[in-house]
Structure formats: C-alpha cells, structure tokens
Amino acid sequence: MFFDYRRGFFVFILIFLSPFAMAAELSGEKIYARLCSSCHGFTGEGRSGLAPALRNGITVSGDISGLLNVVMNGRKDTLMVAFKKNMTDDELAAVISYVRERFGPADRKLSAADIAMAR
C-alpha cells in the first residue's frame, strides 16, 4: 500500500485551512459591506433621508451597549432592522467591532460571549 500525496494534501487543506476560510467569512468588514453599506455608505457617511452617518456618530462613539442594542433590536420608525434573529453571535460581534474600529473609538472588540449575554 502506498500513500497518495494528493489526497493527503487535500485532507491537510480541508482540516487545517478551513477554520481560516470560515474566519474570513465572519469578517466584520465583509458583513458590513454586504448588509450595512447600502444605507450607511462604505465610508460611514450615511445617506440623506435614509440612514445616519456612522463616522463619529453618537451611537457609534458612545457606550458600546447603545450600538449593540441598535444592531440587535433595530430602531422603531426607521429603516434600521433588527439583526439578532438573522445573525449569529460571531457575526454580530464581528460587525459591531468593525463599526466601532472603523467609525468610532477602537476601544475593544466584542466577542460572541458578549453577544450571547446581551441576548
């Protein structure tokens, strides 16, 4: 019996590099681009009459619990929808951390455990 190096290489890629591929999918930047940028803009400038600017905005720059609440529960009488039922804890942590880093104070990253406690 001999070792098939091609199969071994494939198994190596599958086992050891898959977590990195999954982590790339959970990129806060990618989630923001896909779900948030159409209203808030790629640079956080907002859209007049549609969504407020995020860059140095009160919700983004204030206490992180305010931003967490808005992203998870939405905002009544606005176009901001609740994402807590449509996103995992990891996805919510990634996008909220990205928004804080990019458009407000980069004080700390949220973890999935932080999101689970907030639910």
Protein backbone atom coordinates (compact mmCIF):
# COMPACT_ATOMS: atom_id res chain seq x y z
CA MET A 1 0.00 0.00 0.00
CA PHE A 2 1.27 3.49 -0.76
CA PHE A 3 0.41 6.97 0.44
CA ASP A 4 -1.45 9.18 -2.00
CA TYR A 5 0.21 12.55 -1.51
CA ARG A 6 -2.51 14.39 -3.41
CA ARG A 7 -5.19 13.05 -1.08
CA GLY A 8 -3.03 13.79 1.94
CA PHE A 9 -2.53 17.34 0.76
CA PHE A 10 -6.28 17.75 0.20
CA VAL A 11 -7.04 16.45 3.70
CA PHE A 12 -4.42 18.83 5.12
CA ILE A 13 -6.06 21.78 3.35
CA LEU A 14 -9.54 20.70 4.41
CA ILE A 15 -8.69 20.15 8.07
CA PHE A 16 -6.16 22.88 8.77
CA LEU A 17 -7.17 25.73 6.49
CA SER A 18 -10.97 25.50 6.73
CA PRO A 19 -11.09 27.40 10.03
CA PHE A 20 -9.23 30.28 8.35
CA ALA A 21 -11.71 30.32 5.48
CA MET A 22 -14.62 30.36 7.92
CA ALA A 23 -12.99 33.18 9.87
CA ALA A 24 -12.69 35.19 6.65
CA GLU A 25 -16.42 34.79 6.11
CA LEU A 26 -17.00 36.24 9.58
CA SER A 27 -15.05 39.36 8.71
CA GLY A 28 -16.83 42.37 10.14
CA GLU A 29 -15.81 44.34 7.06
CA LYS A 30 -17.44 41.82 4.71
CA ILE A 31 -20.61 41.67 6.78
CA TYR A 32 -20.76 45.47 6.88
CA ALA A 33 -20.26 45.68 3.11
CA ARG A 34 -23.00 43.12 2.48
CA LEU A 35 -25.64 44.27 4.99
CA CYS A 36 -24.94 47.83 6.10
CA SER A 37 -23.12 49.81 3.44
CA SER A 38 -26.07 50.25 1.11
CA CYS A 39 -27.70 52.51 3.70
CA HIS A 40 -24.80 53.78 5.83
CA GLY A 41 -22.25 54.01 2.99
CA PHE A 42 -18.91 52.29 2.59
CA THR A 43 -17.15 55.07 4.47
CA GLY A 44 -19.87 55.53 7.09
CA GLU A 45 -21.09 58.78 5.56
CA GLY A 46 -24.76 57.77 5.70
CA ARG A 47 -27.44 58.54 3.13
CA SER A 48 -29.58 61.63 3.46
CA GLY A 49 -33.13 60.70 4.41
CA LEU A 50 -32.23 57.01 4.55
CA ALA A 51 -29.67 56.30 7.27
CA PRO A 52 -27.49 58.41 9.55
CA ALA A 53 -23.75 58.74 9.26
CA LEU A 54 -21.85 56.30 11.44
CA ARG A 55 -18.50 58.09 11.44
CA ASN A 56 -18.18 59.69 14.88
CA GLY A 57 -21.93 59.40 15.40
CA ILE A 58 -23.34 59.35 18.92
CA THR A 59 -24.48 55.72 18.75
CA VAL A 60 -21.16 54.50 17.37
CA SER A 61 -18.92 56.70 19.53
CA GLY A 62 -20.92 56.40 22.76
CA ASP A 63 -21.22 53.46 25.10
CA ILE A 64 -20.92 50.22 23.15
CA SER A 65 -24.18 48.94 24.62
CA GLY A 66 -26.08 51.55 22.59
CA LEU A 67 -24.66 50.32 19.30
CA LEU A 68 -25.19 46.73 20.36
CA ASN A 69 -28.85 47.47 21.13
CA VAL A 70 -29.47 49.21 17.79
CA VAL A 71 -27.85 46.48 15.70
CA MET A 72 -29.56 43.66 17.57
CA ASN A 73 -33.02 45.23 18.00
CA GLY A 74 -33.25 47.79 15.21
CA ARG A 75 -34.80 51.24 15.58
CA LYS A 76 -38.52 51.79 15.60
CA ASP A 77 -39.94 54.06 12.88
CA THR A 78 -36.72 53.87 10.83
CA LEU A 79 -35.32 51.55 8.19
CA MET A 80 -32.90 50.06 10.72
CA VAL A 81 -33.94 46.44 11.12
CA ALA A 82 -33.14 44.06 13.97
CA PHE A 83 -30.37 41.61 13.14
CA LYS A 84 -30.40 39.44 16.26
CA LYS A 85 -32.58 36.75 14.68
CA ASN A 86 -30.71 36.73 11.37
CA MET A 87 -27.11 36.75 12.54
CA THR A 88 -25.04 34.51 14.77
CA ASP A 89 -23.28 35.76 17.87
CA ASP A 90 -19.96 35.61 16.00
CA GLU A 91 -21.32 37.63 13.08
CA LEU A 92 -22.83 40.28 15.35
CA ALA A 93 -19.60 40.56 17.34
CA ALA A 94 -17.57 40.88 14.14
CA VAL A 95 -19.69 43.59 12.52
CA ILE A 96 -20.20 45.66 15.68
CA SER A 97 -16.47 45.51 16.45
CA TYR A 98 -15.70 46.53 12.86
CA VAL A 99 -18.07 49.51 13.03
CA ARG A 100 -16.50 50.68 16.28
CA GLU A 101 -12.96 50.28 14.95
CA ARG A 102 -13.68 51.95 11.62
CA PHE A 103 -16.11 54.73 12.54
CA GLY A 104 -15.73 55.36 16.28
CA PRO A 105 -13.37 54.68 19.13
CA ALA A 106 -11.45 51.45 18.72
CA ASP A 107 -11.78 50.71 22.40
CA ARG A 108 -12.40 46.96 22.43
CA LYS A 109 -13.65 44.10 20.33
CA LEU A 110 -16.81 42.26 21.22
CA SER A 111 -16.80 38.50 21.48
CA ALA A 112 -19.55 36.00 20.77
CA ALA A 113 -19.85 35.60 24.54
CA ASP A 114 -20.61 39.34 24.88
CA ILE A 115 -23.40 39.00 22.31
CA ALA A 116 -24.80 35.88 23.98
CA MET A 117 -25.01 37.74 27.29
CA ALA A 118 -26.77 40.68 25.61
CA ARG A 119 -29.38 38.44 24.01
